[in-house]
Amino acid sequence: MAIHEIRIDRSKTLTEEPGTGHNRWHPDIPPVVRCQPGDEVVLETRDALDGQLGPAAGLDAVASANLDVVHPLSASSASPTNALRA
């Protein structure tokens, strides 16, 4: 069993740390981690808006937020009906 870790710097955006994720699902974009059954993955994630909004954000900031941010993971031998367990 291997342990895979993806750690992020919360003071940076995904654009500044492209090796920690990507902003869409596409077969041409390689996964950040490939794991085998039984492997452990420690995955730090950014908030859904990649730090674009702070506590003082108003409606204008929410309306203009970039919504194209996701953070993928690939597990070999997994199928769409499988679930990853925490």
PDB file of N, CA and C in Angstrom:
ATOM      1  N   MET A   1       0.845  -1.189   0.000  1.00  0.00           N
ATOM      2  CA  MET A   1       0.000   0.000   0.000  1.00  0.00           C
ATOM      3  C   MET A   1       0.885   1.246   0.000  1.00  0.00           C
ATOM      4  N   ALA A   2       0.569   2.159  -0.879  1.00  0.00           N
ATOM      5  CA  ALA A   2       1.307   3.424  -0.965  1.00  0.00           C
ATOM      6  C   ALA A   2       0.461   4.561  -0.404  1.00  0.00           C
ATOM      7  N   ILE A   3       1.131   5.595   0.035  1.00  0.00           N
ATOM      8  CA  ILE A   3       0.454   6.809   0.490  1.00  0.00           C
ATOM      9  C   ILE A   3       0.812   7.921  -0.496  1.00  0.00           C
ATOM     10  N   HIS A   4      -0.204   8.539  -1.069  1.00  0.00           N
ATOM     11  CA  HIS A   4      -0.024   9.643  -2.017  1.00  0.00           C
ATOM     12  C   HIS A   4      -0.502  10.919  -1.330  1.00  0.00           C
ATOM     13  N   GLU A   5       0.266  11.987  -1.448  1.00  0.00           N
ATOM     14  CA  GLU A   5      -0.121  13.255  -0.830  1.00  0.00           C
ATOM     15  C   GLU A   5      -0.108  14.378  -1.858  1.00  0.00           C
ATOM     16  N   ILE A   6      -1.152  15.177  -1.830  1.00  0.00           N
ATOM     17  CA  ILE A   6      -1.216  16.403  -2.617  1.00  0.00           C
ATOM     18  C   ILE A   6      -1.456  17.523  -1.620  1.00  0.00           C
ATOM     19  N   ARG A   7      -0.444  18.321  -1.409  1.00  0.00           N
ATOM     20  CA  ARG A   7      -0.519  19.437  -0.461  1.00  0.00           C
ATOM     21  C   ARG A   7      -0.571  20.733  -1.255  1.00  0.00           C
ATOM     22  N   ILE A   8      -1.306  21.696  -0.747  1.00  0.00           N
ATOM     23  CA  ILE A   8      -1.442  22.980  -1.438  1.00  0.00           C
ATOM     24  C   ILE A   8      -0.981  24.123  -0.537  1.00  0.00           C
ATOM     25  N   ASP A   9      -0.651  25.225  -1.160  1.00  0.00           N
ATOM     26  CA  ASP A   9      -0.355  26.468  -0.470  1.00  0.00           C
ATOM     27  C   ASP A   9      -1.609  27.320  -0.583  1.00  0.00           C
ATOM     28  N   ARG A  10      -2.322  27.497   0.514  1.00  0.00           N
ATOM     29  CA  ARG A  10      -3.604  28.212   0.471  1.00  0.00           C
ATOM     30  C   ARG A  10      -3.469  29.692   0.115  1.00  0.00           C
ATOM     31  N   SER A  11      -2.253  30.201   0.087  1.00  0.00           N
ATOM     32  CA  SER A  11      -2.075  31.602  -0.319  1.00  0.00           C
ATOM     33  C   SER A  11      -1.951  31.729  -1.835  1.00  0.00           C
ATOM     34  N   LYS A  12      -1.955  30.583  -2.551  1.00  0.00           N
ATOM     35  CA  LYS A  12      -1.829  30.596  -4.008  1.00  0.00           C
ATOM     36  C   LYS A  12      -3.085  30.031  -4.661  1.00  0.00           C
ATOM     37  N   THR A  13      -3.314  30.427  -5.907  1.00  0.00           N
ATOM     38  CA  THR A  13      -4.438  29.904  -6.678  1.00  0.00           C
ATOM     39  C   THR A  13      -3.992  28.656  -7.438  1.00  0.00           C
ATOM     40  N   LEU A  14      -4.942  27.979  -8.025  1.00  0.00           N
ATOM     41  CA  LEU A  14      -4.628  26.814  -8.839  1.00  0.00           C
ATOM     42  C   LEU A  14      -3.736  27.196 -10.020  1.00  0.00           C
ATOM     43  N   THR A  15      -3.938  28.364 -10.581  1.00  0.00           N
ATOM     44  CA  THR A  15      -3.096  28.840 -11.689  1.00  0.00           C
ATOM     45  C   THR A  15      -1.634  28.939 -11.255  1.00  0.00           C
ATOM     46  N   GLU A  16      -1.410  29.301 -10.011  1.00  0.00           N
ATOM     47  CA  GLU A  16      -0.044  29.436  -9.496  1.00  0.00           C
ATOM     48  C   GLU A  16       0.564  28.085  -9.082  1.00  0.00           C
ATOM     49  N   GLU A  17      -0.271  27.073  -8.869  1.00  0.00           N
ATOM     50  CA  GLU A  17       0.186  25.723  -8.510  1.00  0.00           C
ATOM     51  C   GLU A  17      -0.505  24.690  -9.392  1.00  0.00           C
ATOM     52  N   PRO A  18      -0.245  24.701 -10.698  1.00  0.00           N
ATOM     53  CA  PRO A  18      -0.989  23.833 -11.616  1.00  0.00           C
ATOM     54  C   PRO A  18      -0.811  22.335 -11.364  1.00  0.00           C
ATOM     55  N   GLY A  19       0.241  21.933 -10.689  1.00  0.00           N
ATOM     56  CA  GLY A  19       0.453  20.517 -10.412  1.00  0.00           C
ATOM     57  C   GLY A  19      -0.402  19.971  -9.294  1.00  0.00           C
ATOM     58  N   THR A  20      -1.233  20.812  -8.686  1.00  0.00           N
ATOM     59  CA  THR A  20      -2.067  20.359  -7.567  1.00  0.00           C
ATOM     60  C   THR A  20      -3.523  20.142  -7.962  1.00  0.00           C
ATOM     61  N   GLY A  21      -3.832  20.249  -9.231  1.00  0.00           N
ATOM     62  CA  GLY A  21      -5.207  20.047  -9.688  1.00  0.00           C
ATOM     63  C   GLY A  21      -5.381  20.624 -11.070  1.00  0.00           C
ATOM     64  N   HIS A  22      -6.613  20.643 -11.549  1.00  0.00           N
ATOM     65  CA  HIS A  22      -6.931  21.340 -12.791  1.00  0.00           C
ATOM     66  C   HIS A  22      -8.386  21.762 -12.757  1.00  0.00           C
ATOM     67  N   ASN A  23      -8.798  22.554 -13.725  1.00  0.00           N
ATOM     68  CA  ASN A  23     -10.095  23.228 -13.630  1.00  0.00           C
ATOM     69  C   ASN A  23     -11.202  22.619 -14.486  1.00  0.00           C
ATOM     70  N   ARG A  24     -11.008  21.396 -14.989  1.00  0.00           N
ATOM     71  CA  ARG A  24     -12.068  20.741 -15.759  1.00  0.00           C
ATOM     72  C   ARG A  24     -11.723  19.261 -15.915  1.00  0.00           C
ATOM     73  N   TRP A  25     -12.722  18.456 -16.241  1.00  0.00           N
ATOM     74  CA  TRP A  25     -12.520  17.038 -16.530  1.00  0.00           C
ATOM     75  C   TRP A  25     -12.361  16.884 -18.032  1.00  0.00           C
ATOM     76  N   HIS A  26     -11.244  16.321 -18.475  1.00  0.00           N
ATOM     77  CA  HIS A  26     -11.008  16.109 -19.893  1.00  0.00           C
ATOM     78  C   HIS A  26      -9.986  14.984 -20.034  1.00  0.00           C
ATOM     79  N   PRO A  27     -10.196  14.051 -20.965  1.00  0.00           N
ATOM     80  CA  PRO A  27      -9.274  12.907 -21.083  1.00  0.00           C
ATOM     81  C   PRO A  27      -7.840  13.285 -21.452  1.00  0.00           C
ATOM     82  N   ASP A  28      -7.619  14.461 -22.004  1.00  0.00           N
ATOM     83  CA  ASP A  28      -6.267  14.879 -22.358  1.00  0.00           C
ATOM     84  C   ASP A  28      -5.486  15.475 -21.182  1.00  0.00           C
ATOM     85  N   ILE A  29      -6.155  15.709 -20.058  1.00  0.00           N
ATOM     86  CA  ILE A  29      -5.490  16.246 -18.876  1.00  0.00           C
ATOM     87  C   ILE A  29      -5.170  15.073 -17.953  1.00  0.00           C
ATOM     88  N   PRO A  30      -3.888  14.823 -17.693  1.00  0.00           N
ATOM     89  CA  PRO A  30      -3.544  13.678 -16.840  1.00  0.00           C
ATOM     90  C   PRO A  30      -3.980  13.909 -15.391  1.00  0.00           C
ATOM     91  N   PRO A  31      -4.352  12.850 -14.699  1.00  0.00           N
ATOM     92  CA  PRO A  31      -4.717  12.995 -13.284  1.00  0.00           C
ATOM     93  C   PRO A  31      -3.515  13.424 -12.448  1.00  0.00           C
ATOM     94  N   VAL A  32      -3.775  14.048 -11.347  1.00  0.00           N
ATOM     95  CA  VAL A  32      -2.729  14.475 -10.438  1.00  0.00           C
ATOM     96  C   VAL A  32      -2.153  13.266  -9.691  1.00  0.00           C
ATOM     97  N   VAL A  33      -2.996  12.293  -9.385  1.00  0.00           N
ATOM     98  CA  VAL A  33      -2.589  11.085  -8.659  1.00  0.00           C
ATOM     99  C   VAL A  33      -3.197   9.872  -9.335  1.00  0.00           C
ATOM    100  N   ARG A  34      -2.416   8.810  -9.438  1.00  0.00           N
ATOM    101  CA  ARG A  34      -2.933   7.501  -9.852  1.00  0.00           C
ATOM    102  C   ARG A  34      -2.710   6.565  -8.677  1.00  0.00           C
ATOM    103  N   CYS A  35      -3.764   5.932  -8.222  1.00  0.00           N
ATOM    104  CA  CYS A  35      -3.626   5.055  -7.070  1.00  0.00           C
ATOM    105  C   CYS A  35      -4.162   3.667  -7.387  1.00  0.00           C
ATOM    106  N   GLN A  36      -3.683   2.716  -6.641  1.00  0.00           N
ATOM    107  CA  GLN A  36      -4.088   1.319  -6.777  1.00  0.00           C
ATOM    108  C   GLN A  36      -5.041   0.979  -5.634  1.00  0.00           C
ATOM    109  N   PRO A  37      -5.830  -0.098  -5.765  1.00  0.00           N
ATOM    110  CA  PRO A  37      -6.695  -0.514  -4.652  1.00  0.00           C
ATOM    111  C   PRO A  37      -5.872  -0.675  -3.372  1.00  0.00           C
ATOM    112  N   GLY A  38      -6.361  -0.108  -2.289  1.00  0.00           N
ATOM    113  CA  GLY A  38      -5.672  -0.180  -1.008  1.00  0.00           C
ATOM    114  C   GLY A  38      -4.743   0.987  -0.726  1.00  0.00           C
ATOM    115  N   ASP A  39      -4.424   1.802  -1.730  1.00  0.00           N
ATOM    116  CA  ASP A  39      -3.576   2.966  -1.509  1.00  0.00           C
ATOM    117  C   ASP A  39      -4.320   4.009  -0.683  1.00  0.00           C
ATOM    118  N   GLU A  40      -3.571   4.815   0.029  1.00  0.00           N
ATOM    119  CA  GLU A  40      -4.138   5.909   0.805  1.00  0.00           C
ATOM    120  C   GLU A  40      -3.801   7.220   0.102  1.00  0.00           C
ATOM    121  N   VAL A  41      -4.785   8.131   0.038  1.00  0.00           N
ATOM    122  CA  VAL A  41      -4.570   9.427  -0.602  1.00  0.00           C
ATOM    123  C   VAL A  41      -4.885  10.533   0.396  1.00  0.00           C
ATOM    124  N   VAL A  42      -3.931  11.414   0.609  1.00  0.00           N
ATOM    125  CA  VAL A  42      -4.134  12.605   1.424  1.00  0.00           C
ATOM    126  C   VAL A  42      -4.236  13.764   0.442  1.00  0.00           C
ATOM    127  N   LEU A  43      -5.403  14.363   0.367  1.00  0.00           N
ATOM    128  CA  LEU A  43      -5.676  15.358  -0.656  1.00  0.00           C
ATOM    129  C   LEU A  43      -6.167  16.645  -0.015  1.00  0.00           C
ATOM    130  N   GLU A  44      -5.321  17.667  -0.016  1.00  0.00           N
ATOM    131  CA  GLU A  44      -5.760  18.985   0.428  1.00  0.00           C
ATOM    132  C   GLU A  44      -6.449  19.645  -0.762  1.00  0.00           C
ATOM    133  N   THR A  45      -7.584  20.234  -0.527  1.00  0.00           N
ATOM    134  CA  THR A  45      -8.328  20.856  -1.620  1.00  0.00           C
ATOM    135  C   THR A  45      -8.569  22.333  -1.342  1.00  0.00           C
ATOM    136  N   ARG A  46      -8.721  23.038  -2.402  1.00  0.00           N
ATOM    137  CA  ARG A  46      -9.098  24.439  -2.294  1.00  0.00           C
ATOM    138  C   ARG A  46     -10.613  24.518  -2.150  1.00  0.00           C
ATOM    139  N   ASP A  47     -11.103  25.662  -1.695  1.00  0.00           N
ATOM    140  CA  ASP A  47     -12.556  25.823  -1.661  1.00  0.00           C
ATOM    141  C   ASP A  47     -13.080  25.836  -3.091  1.00  0.00           C
ATOM    142  N   ALA A  48     -14.355  25.695  -3.258  1.00  0.00           N
ATOM    143  CA  ALA A  48     -14.965  25.547  -4.582  1.00  0.00           C
ATOM    144  C   ALA A  48     -14.659  26.705  -5.526  1.00  0.00           C
ATOM    145  N   LEU A  49     -14.352  27.859  -4.990  1.00  0.00           N
ATOM    146  CA  LEU A  49     -14.069  29.016  -5.833  1.00  0.00           C
ATOM    147  C   LEU A  49     -12.591  29.396  -5.813  1.00  0.00           C
ATOM    148  N   ASP A  50     -11.727  28.488  -5.375  1.00  0.00           N
ATOM    149  CA  ASP A  50     -10.274  28.675  -5.414  1.00  0.00           C
ATOM    150  C   ASP A  50      -9.838  29.958  -4.718  1.00  0.00           C
ATOM    151  N   GLY A  51     -10.461  30.267  -3.587  1.00  0.00           N
ATOM    152  CA  GLY A  51     -10.051  31.422  -2.791  1.00  0.00           C
ATOM    153  C   GLY A  51     -10.489  32.765  -3.336  1.00  0.00           C
ATOM    154  N   GLN A  52     -11.419  32.771  -4.281  1.00  0.00           N
ATOM    155  CA  GLN A  52     -11.852  34.030  -4.894  1.00  0.00           C
ATOM    156  C   GLN A  52     -12.684  34.898  -3.960  1.00  0.00           C
ATOM    157  N   LEU A  53     -13.370  34.292  -2.991  1.00  0.00           N
ATOM    158  CA  LEU A  53     -14.249  35.051  -2.108  1.00  0.00           C
ATOM    159  C   LEU A  53     -13.750  34.987  -0.675  1.00  0.00           C
ATOM    160  N   GLY A  54     -13.789  36.114  -0.022  1.00  0.00           N
ATOM    161  CA  GLY A  54     -13.436  36.173   1.391  1.00  0.00           C
ATOM    162  C   GLY A  54     -14.673  36.481   2.206  1.00  0.00           C
ATOM    163  N   PRO A  55     -14.517  36.609   3.513  1.00  0.00           N
ATOM    164  CA  PRO A  55     -15.666  36.865   4.385  1.00  0.00           C
ATOM    165  C   PRO A  55     -16.443  38.138   4.038  1.00  0.00           C
ATOM    166  N   ALA A  56     -15.775  39.124   3.456  1.00  0.00           N
ATOM    167  CA  ALA A  56     -16.451  40.388   3.146  1.00  0.00           C
ATOM    168  C   ALA A  56     -17.014  40.437   1.728  1.00  0.00           C
ATOM    169  N   ALA A  57     -16.969  39.318   0.995  1.00  0.00           N
ATOM    170  CA  ALA A  57     -17.440  39.317  -0.396  1.00  0.00           C
ATOM    171  C   ALA A  57     -18.928  39.645  -0.470  1.00  0.00           C
ATOM    172  N   GLY A  58     -19.255  40.517  -1.405  1.00  0.00           N
ATOM    173  CA  GLY A  58     -20.648  40.894  -1.613  1.00  0.00           C
ATOM    174  C   GLY A  58     -21.238  40.173  -2.816  1.00  0.00           C
ATOM    175  N   LEU A  59     -22.456  40.511  -3.159  1.00  0.00           N
ATOM    176  CA  LEU A  59     -23.155  39.865  -4.273  1.00  0.00           C
ATOM    177  C   LEU A  59     -22.433  40.061  -5.602  1.00  0.00           C
ATOM    178  N   ASP A  60     -21.812  41.217  -5.803  1.00  0.00           N
ATOM    179  CA  ASP A  60     -21.083  41.448  -7.049  1.00  0.00           C
ATOM    180  C   ASP A  60     -19.914  40.473  -7.198  1.00  0.00           C
ATOM    181  N   ALA A  61     -19.202  40.216  -6.105  1.00  0.00           N
ATOM    182  CA  ALA A  61     -18.074  39.275  -6.143  1.00  0.00           C
ATOM    183  C   ALA A  61     -18.570  37.861  -6.431  1.00  0.00           C
ATOM    184  N   VAL A  62     -19.682  37.481  -5.844  1.00  0.00           N
ATOM    185  CA  VAL A  62     -20.248  36.158  -6.088  1.00  0.00           C
ATOM    186  C   VAL A  62     -20.692  36.039  -7.548  1.00  0.00           C
ATOM    187  N   ALA A  63     -21.326  37.066  -8.062  1.00  0.00           N
ATOM    188  CA  ALA A  63     -21.819  37.048  -9.443  1.00  0.00           C
ATOM    189  C   ALA A  63     -20.688  36.992 -10.466  1.00  0.00           C
ATOM    190  N   SER A  64     -19.517  37.513 -10.133  1.00  0.00           N
ATOM    191  CA  SER A  64     -18.418  37.546 -11.105  1.00  0.00           C
ATOM    192  C   SER A  64     -17.374  36.460 -10.864  1.00  0.00           C
ATOM    193  N   ALA A  65     -17.634  35.534  -9.952  1.00  0.00           N
ATOM    194  CA  ALA A  65     -16.666  34.480  -9.644  1.00  0.00           C
ATOM    195  C   ALA A  65     -16.493  33.518 -10.820  1.00  0.00           C
ATOM    196  N   ASN A  66     -15.269  33.012 -11.005  1.00  0.00           N
ATOM    197  CA  ASN A  66     -14.972  32.005 -12.025  1.00  0.00           C
ATOM    198  C   ASN A  66     -15.439  30.650 -11.491  1.00  0.00           C
ATOM    199  N   LEU A  67     -16.391  30.032 -12.157  1.00  0.00           N
ATOM    200  CA  LEU A  67     -16.966  28.768 -11.692  1.00  0.00           C
ATOM    201  C   LEU A  67     -16.354  27.540 -12.352  1.00  0.00           C
ATOM    202  N   ASP A  68     -15.229  27.700 -13.036  1.00  0.00           N
ATOM    203  CA  ASP A  68     -14.607  26.595 -13.773  1.00  0.00           C
ATOM    204  C   ASP A  68     -13.529  25.857 -12.982  1.00  0.00           C
ATOM    205  N   VAL A  69     -13.643  25.770 -11.667  1.00  0.00           N
ATOM    206  CA  VAL A  69     -12.593  25.160 -10.845  1.00  0.00           C
ATOM    207  C   VAL A  69     -13.066  23.822 -10.261  1.00  0.00           C
ATOM    208  N   VAL A  70     -12.342  22.741 -10.595  1.00  0.00           N
ATOM    209  CA  VAL A  70     -12.554  21.430  -9.969  1.00  0.00           C
ATOM    210  C   VAL A  70     -11.190  20.803  -9.709  1.00  0.00           C
ATOM    211  N   HIS A  71     -11.131  19.765  -8.868  1.00  0.00           N
ATOM    212  CA  HIS A  71      -9.862  19.143  -8.493  1.00  0.00           C
ATOM    213  C   HIS A  71      -9.989  17.629  -8.614  1.00  0.00           C
ATOM    214  N   PRO A  72      -9.390  17.033  -9.658  1.00  0.00           N
ATOM    215  CA  PRO A  72      -9.618  15.632  -9.976  1.00  0.00           C
ATOM    216  C   PRO A  72      -8.690  14.639  -9.290  1.00  0.00           C
ATOM    217  N   LEU A  73      -9.115  13.409  -9.307  1.00  0.00           N
ATOM    218  CA  LEU A  73      -8.371  12.283  -8.779  1.00  0.00           C
ATOM    219  C   LEU A  73      -8.727  11.084  -9.630  1.00  0.00           C
ATOM    220  N   SER A  74      -7.778  10.227  -9.938  1.00  0.00           N
ATOM    221  CA  SER A  74      -8.040   9.024 -10.720  1.00  0.00           C
ATOM    222  C   SER A  74      -7.666   7.803  -9.896  1.00  0.00           C
ATOM    223  N   ALA A  75      -8.527   6.804  -9.866  1.00  0.00           N
ATOM    224  CA  ALA A  75      -8.241   5.557  -9.155  1.00  0.00           C
ATOM    225  C   ALA A  75      -8.329   4.413 -10.153  1.00  0.00           C
ATOM    226  N   SER A  76      -7.213   3.688 -10.360  1.00  0.00           N
ATOM    227  CA  SER A  76      -7.241   2.593 -11.326  1.00  0.00           C
ATOM    228  C   SER A  76      -8.213   1.525 -10.855  1.00  0.00           C
ATOM    229  N   SER A  77      -8.810   0.849 -11.772  1.00  0.00           N
ATOM    230  CA  SER A  77      -9.815  -0.209 -11.574  1.00  0.00           C
ATOM    231  C   SER A  77     -11.120   0.307 -10.977  1.00  0.00           C
ATOM    232  N   ALA A  78     -11.289   1.622 -10.891  1.00  0.00           N
ATOM    233  CA  ALA A  78     -12.554   2.183 -10.412  1.00  0.00           C
ATOM    234  C   ALA A  78     -13.498   2.359 -11.600  1.00  0.00           C
ATOM    235  N   SER A  79     -14.770   2.214 -11.345  1.00  0.00           N
ATOM    236  CA  SER A  79     -15.775   2.431 -12.387  1.00  0.00           C
ATOM    237  C   SER A  79     -16.714   3.536 -11.915  1.00  0.00           C
ATOM    238  N   PRO A  80     -17.538   4.073 -12.808  1.00  0.00           N
ATOM    239  CA  PRO A  80     -18.436   5.166 -12.419  1.00  0.00           C
ATOM    240  C   PRO A  80     -19.366   4.817 -11.259  1.00  0.00           C
ATOM    241  N   THR A  81     -19.610   3.556 -11.003  1.00  0.00           N
ATOM    242  CA  THR A  81     -20.517   3.186  -9.909  1.00  0.00           C
ATOM    243  C   THR A  81     -19.789   3.023  -8.571  1.00  0.00           C
ATOM    244  N   ASN A  82     -18.454   3.086  -8.567  1.00  0.00           N
ATOM    245  CA  ASN A  82     -17.687   2.950  -7.331  1.00  0.00           C
ATOM    246  C   ASN A  82     -17.672   4.258  -6.571  1.00  0.00           C
ATOM    247  N   ALA A  83     -17.414   4.164  -5.269  1.00  0.00           N
ATOM    248  CA  ALA A  83     -17.253   5.350  -4.432  1.00  0.00           C
ATOM    249  C   ALA A  83     -15.907   5.252  -3.738  1.00  0.00           C
ATOM    250  N   LEU A  84     -15.266   6.391  -3.519  1.00  0.00           N
ATOM    251  CA  LEU A  84     -14.030   6.434  -2.739  1.00  0.00           C
ATOM    252  C   LEU A  84     -14.419   6.565  -1.275  1.00  0.00           C
ATOM    253  N   ARG A  85     -13.776   5.792  -0.430  1.00  0.00           N
ATOM    254  CA  ARG A  85     -14.083   5.852   0.994  1.00  0.00           C
ATOM    255  C   ARG A  85     -13.094   6.735   1.710  1.00  0.00           C
ATOM    256  N   ALA A  86     -13.578   7.473   2.683  1.00  0.00           N
ATOM    257  CA  ALA A  86     -12.710   8.332   3.494  1.00  0.00           C
ATOM    258  C   ALA A  86     -12.106   7.520   4.612  1.00  0.00           C
TER     259      ALA A  86
END
